[in-house]
Structures are given as structure tokens and as C-alpha cells.
Amino acid sequence: MDSIDYYERQGSQYFEETIDLDMTDHLRRFLDRLPENAEVLDLGCGSGRDSRYLEEAGCYVTPMDGSPKMCSLAEIYTDLDVLCLTFEEMEFQEVFDGIWASASLLHVARKDMHHILKKVSDALKPGGILYMSFQYGEGEEYRNGRFYCDYTEKTMKKLLQLEHELEILEIYQSDDVREGRPRWLNVLVKKEGGEEDD
């Protein structure tokens, strides 16, 4: 995956650029839907910024990233063991109450997204919550050394219509916390099952 090569080369710079970004609003929306002491996978954890926030909020966090460079930086920052796996290498079965995929699944090509979402869904416990964020738009292209697949509300709903285990709870746009950057599409979904569905 070429995007991993980018993070291997630019990991330290990316860490410095993103470590202090404030994701509190999105994290709280996610946490509000999780049980206490939730088991959470930070999928594409990058710097480990959000893993640390989630752990401090009482979650048992498993950070994961496909870039060995980012894994090393995240381990130092969080003092957590970071799994160095690509999305393709994931093989979890109903382990997590929540999966936090902030600006990570946007590196998956549209044609591969159903396959990867199946792996993500498999990793969630019944009733589990998934947060994903994507740059807003219709593009699917390389930008600044990384591959991006953008989504709108329409294209995201179309994608998730085929994921029968996953129900959209909330879908909303937000501004980038850095000035002059694209808008974001944020999605919270729930895996079927769990106590409320019984």
C-alpha cells in the first residue's frame, strides 16, 4: 500500500502536525454510545493521540496501524502496545465494543471497501459501534503522496446499504480543525445484535 510508504517516510512530520489536533467532539459522540470500560480498537491509530484520549476516558484500547514507523511513535506516546497490522491482515472475531477509524479507512480504494468493512464488522461485538471519517467529496486519487477515497452522505449511504450488519446511527459533516483543509464526513454505525436488539 503506497500510503504506508508515505507514513514510513513522513511519520515524524505527520506526528508533529497531528498530535495536538482537537478531536474531542467526535470522540465524545463515540464514547457516549459505548459501555463503561469498553474494549476499543483504534484502527489506523497514527500518532496514538486518540488512543490516549480513549484510554484516559476509561476504555481498554488496542491501537493498530499499518506503518511500523507510526506504530513506534504511537507506542512511545501512549505507552501502549501497538499492533502493526494492515487492514487486510486483521482477523478479529467479535472482540471490540467500539472501533475508532479516524481518517484511516479513507486510504482504502472504493472497490476494496466492502471486503475491509466485513473485516471491521467481524471485529465488532454484536451491538458494537464504529466511527469512521473521510474527506468530503467524490474523489478517488493520490494526493500529496497518499491515496484518498472521499465520500458524501449519498455515496456513504449507498456503501452501507450493502453492509447488512451495519446500521447508520449518525452521519454529519465537519470542518477540518486545521484552516484551509477540506471538510470531513463523519459516520457512526452500529453492528446489529446486542441487548437493545434482543
C-alpha atoms as a PDB file:
ATOM      1  CA  MET A   1       0.000   0.000   0.000  1.00  0.00           C
ATOM      2  CA  ASP A   2       1.635   3.217  -1.157  1.00  0.00           C
ATOM      3  CA  SER A   3       0.067   5.260   1.631  1.00  0.00           C
ATOM      4  CA  ILE A   4       2.027   3.217   4.176  1.00  0.00           C
ATOM      5  CA  ASP A   5       5.228   4.185   2.356  1.00  0.00           C
ATOM      6  CA  TYR A   6       4.252   7.827   2.863  1.00  0.00           C
ATOM      7  CA  TYR A   7       3.906   7.342   6.628  1.00  0.00           C
ATOM      8  CA  GLU A   8       7.212   5.478   6.749  1.00  0.00           C
ATOM      9  CA  ARG A   9       8.943   8.455   5.111  1.00  0.00           C
ATOM     10  CA  GLN A  10       6.961  11.279   6.695  1.00  0.00           C
ATOM     11  CA  GLY A  11       5.947   9.705  10.014  1.00  0.00           C
ATOM     12  CA  SER A  12       7.768  12.111  12.307  1.00  0.00           C
ATOM     13  CA  GLN A  13       6.440  15.158  10.463  1.00  0.00           C
ATOM     14  CA  TYR A  14       2.904  13.708  10.410  1.00  0.00           C
ATOM     15  CA  PHE A  15       3.139  13.041  14.153  1.00  0.00           C
ATOM     16  CA  GLU A  16       4.094  16.650  14.855  1.00  0.00           C
ATOM     17  CA  GLU A  17       1.351  18.009  12.576  1.00  0.00           C
ATOM     18  CA  THR A  18      -1.463  15.933  14.073  1.00  0.00           C
ATOM     19  CA  ILE A  19      -0.617  15.183  17.699  1.00  0.00           C
ATOM     20  CA  ASP A  20      -2.321  18.309  19.079  1.00  0.00           C
ATOM     21  CA  LEU A  21      -5.433  18.303  16.865  1.00  0.00           C
ATOM     22  CA  ASP A  22      -8.599  18.521  18.951  1.00  0.00           C
ATOM     23  CA  MET A  23     -10.949  15.625  18.156  1.00  0.00           C
ATOM     24  CA  THR A  24     -12.900  15.932  21.409  1.00  0.00           C
ATOM     25  CA  ASP A  25     -16.343  16.491  19.864  1.00  0.00           C
ATOM     26  CA  HIS A  26     -16.104  13.400  17.664  1.00  0.00           C
ATOM     27  CA  LEU A  27     -14.594  11.298  20.447  1.00  0.00           C
ATOM     28  CA  ARG A  28     -17.383  12.233  22.848  1.00  0.00           C
ATOM     29  CA  ARG A  29     -20.073  11.306  20.318  1.00  0.00           C
ATOM     30  CA  PHE A  30     -18.379   7.917  20.006  1.00  0.00           C
ATOM     31  CA  LEU A  31     -17.852   7.413  23.743  1.00  0.00           C
ATOM     32  CA  ASP A  32     -21.456   8.332  24.544  1.00  0.00           C
ATOM     33  CA  ARG A  33     -22.569   5.197  22.680  1.00  0.00           C
ATOM     34  CA  LEU A  34     -20.133   2.788  24.338  1.00  0.00           C
ATOM     35  CA  PRO A  35     -20.490   0.809  27.576  1.00  0.00           C
ATOM     36  CA  GLU A  36     -18.244   1.579  30.532  1.00  0.00           C
ATOM     37  CA  ASN A  37     -14.759   0.085  30.295  1.00  0.00           C
ATOM     38  CA  ALA A  38     -15.307  -0.613  26.605  1.00  0.00           C
ATOM     39  CA  GLU A  39     -12.826  -2.615  24.546  1.00  0.00           C
ATOM     40  CA  VAL A  40     -11.870  -0.276  21.682  1.00  0.00           C
ATOM     41  CA  LEU A  41      -9.741  -0.776  18.571  1.00  0.00           C
ATOM     42  CA  ASP A  42      -8.079   2.408  17.305  1.00  0.00           C
ATOM     43  CA  LEU A  43      -7.887   1.386  13.651  1.00  0.00           C
ATOM     44  CA  GLY A  44      -5.089   3.299  11.936  1.00  0.00           C
ATOM     45  CA  CYS A  45      -4.036   4.951  15.182  1.00  0.00           C
ATOM     46  CA  GLY A  46      -1.348   7.174  13.640  1.00  0.00           C
ATOM     47  CA  SER A  47       0.299   9.181  16.412  1.00  0.00           C
ATOM     48  CA  GLY A  48      -1.740   7.489  19.138  1.00  0.00           C
ATOM     49  CA  ARG A  49      -3.402  10.790  20.052  1.00  0.00           C
ATOM     50  CA  ASP A  50      -6.917   9.351  20.139  1.00  0.00           C
ATOM     51  CA  SER A  51      -5.820   6.076  21.755  1.00  0.00           C
ATOM     52  CA  ARG A  52      -4.508   8.056  24.694  1.00  0.00           C
ATOM     53  CA  TYR A  53      -7.734  10.064  24.967  1.00  0.00           C
ATOM     54  CA  LEU A  54      -9.838   6.897  24.874  1.00  0.00           C
ATOM     55  CA  GLU A  55      -7.692   5.184  27.494  1.00  0.00           C
ATOM     56  CA  GLU A  56      -7.922   8.205  29.783  1.00  0.00           C
ATOM     57  CA  ALA A  57     -11.715   8.041  29.328  1.00  0.00           C
ATOM     58  CA  GLY A  58     -11.692   4.520  30.775  1.00  0.00           C
ATOM     59  CA  CYS A  59     -11.571   2.351  27.656  1.00  0.00           C
ATOM     60  CA  TYR A  60      -9.319  -0.650  27.162  1.00  0.00           C
ATOM     61  CA  VAL A  61      -7.638   0.423  23.945  1.00  0.00           C
ATOM     62  CA  THR A  62      -5.872  -1.621  21.280  1.00  0.00           C
ATOM     63  CA  PRO A  63      -4.041   0.764  18.927  1.00  0.00           C
ATOM     64  CA  MET A  64      -3.288  -0.600  15.449  1.00  0.00           C
ATOM     65  CA  ASP A  65      -1.513   0.841  12.419  1.00  0.00           C
ATOM     66  CA  GLY A  66      -0.063  -0.483   9.185  1.00  0.00           C
ATOM     67  CA  SER A  67       3.051   1.701   9.320  1.00  0.00           C
ATOM     68  CA  PRO A  68       5.887   0.401  11.528  1.00  0.00           C
ATOM     69  CA  LYS A  69       7.134   3.986  11.892  1.00  0.00           C
ATOM     70  CA  MET A  70       3.772   5.211  13.206  1.00  0.00           C
ATOM     71  CA  CYS A  71       3.483   2.172  15.484  1.00  0.00           C
ATOM     72  CA  SER A  72       6.827   3.039  17.087  1.00  0.00           C
ATOM     73  CA  LEU A  73       5.867   6.674  17.584  1.00  0.00           C
ATOM     74  CA  ALA A  74       2.442   5.734  18.973  1.00  0.00           C
ATOM     75  CA  GLU A  75       3.950   3.245  21.439  1.00  0.00           C
ATOM     76  CA  ILE A  76       6.242   5.931  22.816  1.00  0.00           C
ATOM     77  CA  TYR A  77       3.407   8.468  23.060  1.00  0.00           C
ATOM     78  CA  THR A  78       0.746   6.188  24.564  1.00  0.00           C
ATOM     79  CA  ASP A  79       2.837   3.638  26.488  1.00  0.00           C
ATOM     80  CA  LEU A  80       0.510   1.028  24.958  1.00  0.00           C
ATOM     81  CA  ASP A  81       1.381  -1.998  22.858  1.00  0.00           C
ATOM     82  CA  VAL A  82       0.522  -1.118  19.252  1.00  0.00           C
ATOM     83  CA  LEU A  83      -0.415  -3.830  16.760  1.00  0.00           C
ATOM     84  CA  CYS A  84       1.436  -3.358  13.481  1.00  0.00           C
ATOM     85  CA  LEU A  85      -1.118  -4.743  11.013  1.00  0.00           C
ATOM     86  CA  THR A  86      -2.698  -3.583   7.777  1.00  0.00           C
ATOM     87  CA  PHE A  87      -6.479  -3.601   7.364  1.00  0.00           C
ATOM     88  CA  GLU A  88      -6.069  -6.673   5.165  1.00  0.00           C
ATOM     89  CA  GLU A  89      -4.203  -8.550   7.904  1.00  0.00           C
ATOM     90  CA  MET A  90      -6.905  -8.054  10.557  1.00  0.00           C
ATOM     91  CA  GLU A  91      -8.505 -11.294  11.752  1.00  0.00           C
ATOM     92  CA  PHE A  92     -10.568 -10.358  14.831  1.00  0.00           C
ATOM     93  CA  GLN A  93     -13.864 -12.048  15.712  1.00  0.00           C
ATOM     94  CA  GLU A  94     -16.317 -10.112  17.922  1.00  0.00           C
ATOM     95  CA  VAL A  95     -13.613  -8.647  20.172  1.00  0.00           C
ATOM     96  CA  PHE A  96     -14.419  -4.935  20.398  1.00  0.00           C
ATOM     97  CA  ASP A  97     -17.281  -2.829  21.775  1.00  0.00           C
ATOM     98  CA  GLY A  98     -16.116   0.020  19.566  1.00  0.00           C
ATOM     99  CA  ILE A  99     -13.819   0.675  16.633  1.00  0.00           C
ATOM    100  CA  TRP A 100     -12.433   4.171  16.081  1.00  0.00           C
ATOM    101  CA  ALA A 101     -11.305   4.681  12.464  1.00  0.00           C
ATOM    102  CA  SER A 102     -10.461   8.371  12.257  1.00  0.00           C
ATOM    103  CA  ALA A 103      -9.044   9.360   8.855  1.00  0.00           C
ATOM    104  CA  SER A 104      -7.776   5.832   8.230  1.00  0.00           C
ATOM    105  CA  LEU A 105     -10.274   3.931   6.065  1.00  0.00           C
ATOM    106  CA  LEU A 106     -10.076   6.839   3.609  1.00  0.00           C
ATOM    107  CA  HIS A 107      -6.944   5.139   2.259  1.00  0.00           C
ATOM    108  CA  VAL A 108      -8.993   2.108   1.098  1.00  0.00           C
ATOM    109  CA  ALA A 109      -9.997   2.022  -2.578  1.00  0.00           C
ATOM    110  CA  ARG A 110     -13.749   2.014  -3.205  1.00  0.00           C
ATOM    111  CA  LYS A 111     -13.544  -1.408  -4.876  1.00  0.00           C
ATOM    112  CA  ASP A 112     -11.954  -2.882  -1.723  1.00  0.00           C
ATOM    113  CA  MET A 113     -14.161  -1.185   0.855  1.00  0.00           C
ATOM    114  CA  HIS A 114     -16.790  -3.932   1.216  1.00  0.00           C
ATOM    115  CA  HIS A 115     -14.093  -6.503   1.927  1.00  0.00           C
ATOM    116  CA  ILE A 116     -12.417  -4.304   4.544  1.00  0.00           C
ATOM    117  CA  LEU A 117     -15.729  -3.303   6.142  1.00  0.00           C
ATOM    118  CA  LYS A 118     -16.554  -7.000   6.525  1.00  0.00           C
ATOM    119  CA  LYS A 119     -13.318  -7.443   8.482  1.00  0.00           C
ATOM    120  CA  VAL A 120     -14.159  -4.390  10.594  1.00  0.00           C
ATOM    121  CA  SER A 121     -17.695  -5.659  11.225  1.00  0.00           C
ATOM    122  CA  ASP A 122     -16.363  -9.097  12.182  1.00  0.00           C
ATOM    123  CA  ALA A 123     -14.117  -7.440  14.776  1.00  0.00           C
ATOM    124  CA  LEU A 124     -17.083  -5.740  16.477  1.00  0.00           C
ATOM    125  CA  LYS A 125     -19.160  -7.450  19.121  1.00  0.00           C
ATOM    126  CA  PRO A 126     -22.920  -7.555  18.405  1.00  0.00           C
ATOM    127  CA  GLY A 127     -24.236  -4.066  19.131  1.00  0.00           C
ATOM    128  CA  GLY A 128     -20.744  -2.605  18.726  1.00  0.00           C
ATOM    129  CA  ILE A 129     -20.121   0.931  17.465  1.00  0.00           C
ATOM    130  CA  LEU A 130     -17.915   2.028  14.564  1.00  0.00           C
ATOM    131  CA  TYR A 131     -16.764   5.605  13.912  1.00  0.00           C
ATOM    132  CA  MET A 132     -15.259   6.451  10.512  1.00  0.00           C
ATOM    133  CA  SER A 133     -14.212   9.725   8.925  1.00  0.00           C
ATOM    134  CA  PHE A 134     -13.428  10.583   5.313  1.00  0.00           C
ATOM    135  CA  GLN A 135     -12.599  13.705   3.377  1.00  0.00           C
ATOM    136  CA  TYR A 136     -15.812  15.047   1.889  1.00  0.00           C
ATOM    137  CA  GLY A 137     -16.307  14.662  -1.842  1.00  0.00           C
ATOM    138  CA  GLU A 138     -16.370  12.236  -4.749  1.00  0.00           C
ATOM    139  CA  GLY A 139     -12.645  11.892  -5.450  1.00  0.00           C
ATOM    140  CA  GLU A 140     -10.600   8.706  -5.553  1.00  0.00           C
ATOM    141  CA  GLU A 141      -7.000   9.638  -6.229  1.00  0.00           C
ATOM    142  CA  TYR A 142      -3.467  10.158  -4.975  1.00  0.00           C
ATOM    143  CA  ARG A 143      -2.925  13.497  -3.243  1.00  0.00           C
ATOM    144  CA  ASN A 144       0.366  14.574  -1.694  1.00  0.00           C
ATOM    145  CA  GLY A 145       1.787  11.074  -1.705  1.00  0.00           C
ATOM    146  CA  ARG A 146      -1.235   9.268  -0.268  1.00  0.00           C
ATOM    147  CA  PHE A 147      -4.274   7.563  -1.768  1.00  0.00           C
ATOM    148  CA  TYR A 148      -7.653   9.003  -0.769  1.00  0.00           C
ATOM    149  CA  CYS A 149     -11.179   7.784  -1.361  1.00  0.00           C
ATOM    150  CA  ASP A 150     -13.682  10.526  -0.497  1.00  0.00           C
ATOM    151  CA  TYR A 151     -17.358  10.128   0.384  1.00  0.00           C
ATOM    152  CA  THR A 152     -20.532  12.192   0.572  1.00  0.00           C
ATOM    153  CA  GLU A 153     -23.660  11.324   2.533  1.00  0.00           C
ATOM    154  CA  LYS A 154     -25.119   9.784  -0.640  1.00  0.00           C
ATOM    155  CA  THR A 155     -22.133   7.598  -1.507  1.00  0.00           C
ATOM    156  CA  MET A 156     -21.663   6.534   2.124  1.00  0.00           C
ATOM    157  CA  LYS A 157     -25.314   5.511   2.459  1.00  0.00           C
ATOM    158  CA  LYS A 158     -25.037   3.583  -0.804  1.00  0.00           C
ATOM    159  CA  LEU A 159     -21.944   1.792   0.503  1.00  0.00           C
ATOM    160  CA  LEU A 160     -23.532   0.892   3.828  1.00  0.00           C
ATOM    161  CA  GLN A 161     -26.780  -0.318   2.234  1.00  0.00           C
ATOM    162  CA  LEU A 162     -24.815  -3.393   1.196  1.00  0.00           C
ATOM    163  CA  GLU A 163     -23.410  -3.932   4.697  1.00  0.00           C
ATOM    164  CA  HIS A 164     -26.467  -5.577   6.209  1.00  0.00           C
ATOM    165  CA  GLU A 165     -24.953  -5.926   9.688  1.00  0.00           C
ATOM    166  CA  LEU A 166     -24.221  -2.200   9.977  1.00  0.00           C
ATOM    167  CA  GLU A 167     -26.857   0.452  10.677  1.00  0.00           C
ATOM    168  CA  ILE A 168     -26.125   4.174  10.329  1.00  0.00           C
ATOM    169  CA  LEU A 169     -26.724   5.986  13.614  1.00  0.00           C
ATOM    170  CA  GLU A 170     -25.375   9.387  12.656  1.00  0.00           C
ATOM    171  CA  ILE A 171     -23.776  10.933   9.595  1.00  0.00           C
ATOM    172  CA  TYR A 172     -22.566  14.535   9.669  1.00  0.00           C
ATOM    173  CA  GLN A 173     -20.102  16.955   8.107  1.00  0.00           C
ATOM    174  CA  SER A 174     -17.420  18.868   9.969  1.00  0.00           C
ATOM    175  CA  ASP A 175     -14.680  21.363   9.211  1.00  0.00           C
ATOM    176  CA  ASP A 176     -11.054  20.318   9.426  1.00  0.00           C
ATOM    177  CA  VAL A 177      -9.559  21.602  12.660  1.00  0.00           C
ATOM    178  CA  ARG A 178      -6.725  22.986  10.510  1.00  0.00           C
ATOM    179  CA  GLU A 179      -7.548  26.061   8.427  1.00  0.00           C
ATOM    180  CA  GLY A 180      -7.790  25.762   4.664  1.00  0.00           C
ATOM    181  CA  ARG A 181      -8.346  21.993   4.646  1.00  0.00           C
ATOM    182  CA  PRO A 182     -11.232  20.012   3.106  1.00  0.00           C
ATOM    183  CA  ARG A 183     -14.424  19.255   5.012  1.00  0.00           C
ATOM    184  CA  TRP A 184     -14.962  15.840   6.555  1.00  0.00           C
ATOM    185  CA  LEU A 185     -17.736  13.275   6.532  1.00  0.00           C
ATOM    186  CA  ASN A 186     -18.154  11.570   9.903  1.00  0.00           C
ATOM    187  CA  VAL A 187     -20.139   8.364  10.307  1.00  0.00           C
ATOM    188  CA  LEU A 188     -21.270   6.434  13.382  1.00  0.00           C
ATOM    189  CA  VAL A 189     -22.701   2.979  12.732  1.00  0.00           C
ATOM    190  CA  LYS A 190     -23.884   0.116  14.912  1.00  0.00           C
ATOM    191  CA  LYS A 191     -23.489  -3.598  14.314  1.00  0.00           C
ATOM    192  CA  GLU A 192     -26.743  -5.497  14.642  1.00  0.00           C
ATOM    193  CA  GLY A 193     -27.317  -7.538  17.776  1.00  0.00           C
ATOM    194  CA  GLY A 194     -26.617  -6.687  21.375  1.00  0.00           C
ATOM    195  CA  GLU A 195     -29.048  -6.233  24.240  1.00  0.00           C
ATOM    196  CA  GLU A 196     -31.115  -3.439  22.682  1.00  0.00           C
ATOM    197  CA  ASP A 197     -31.881  -5.566  19.602  1.00  0.00           C
ATOM    198  CA  ASP A 198     -32.960  -8.695  21.534  1.00  0.00           C
END
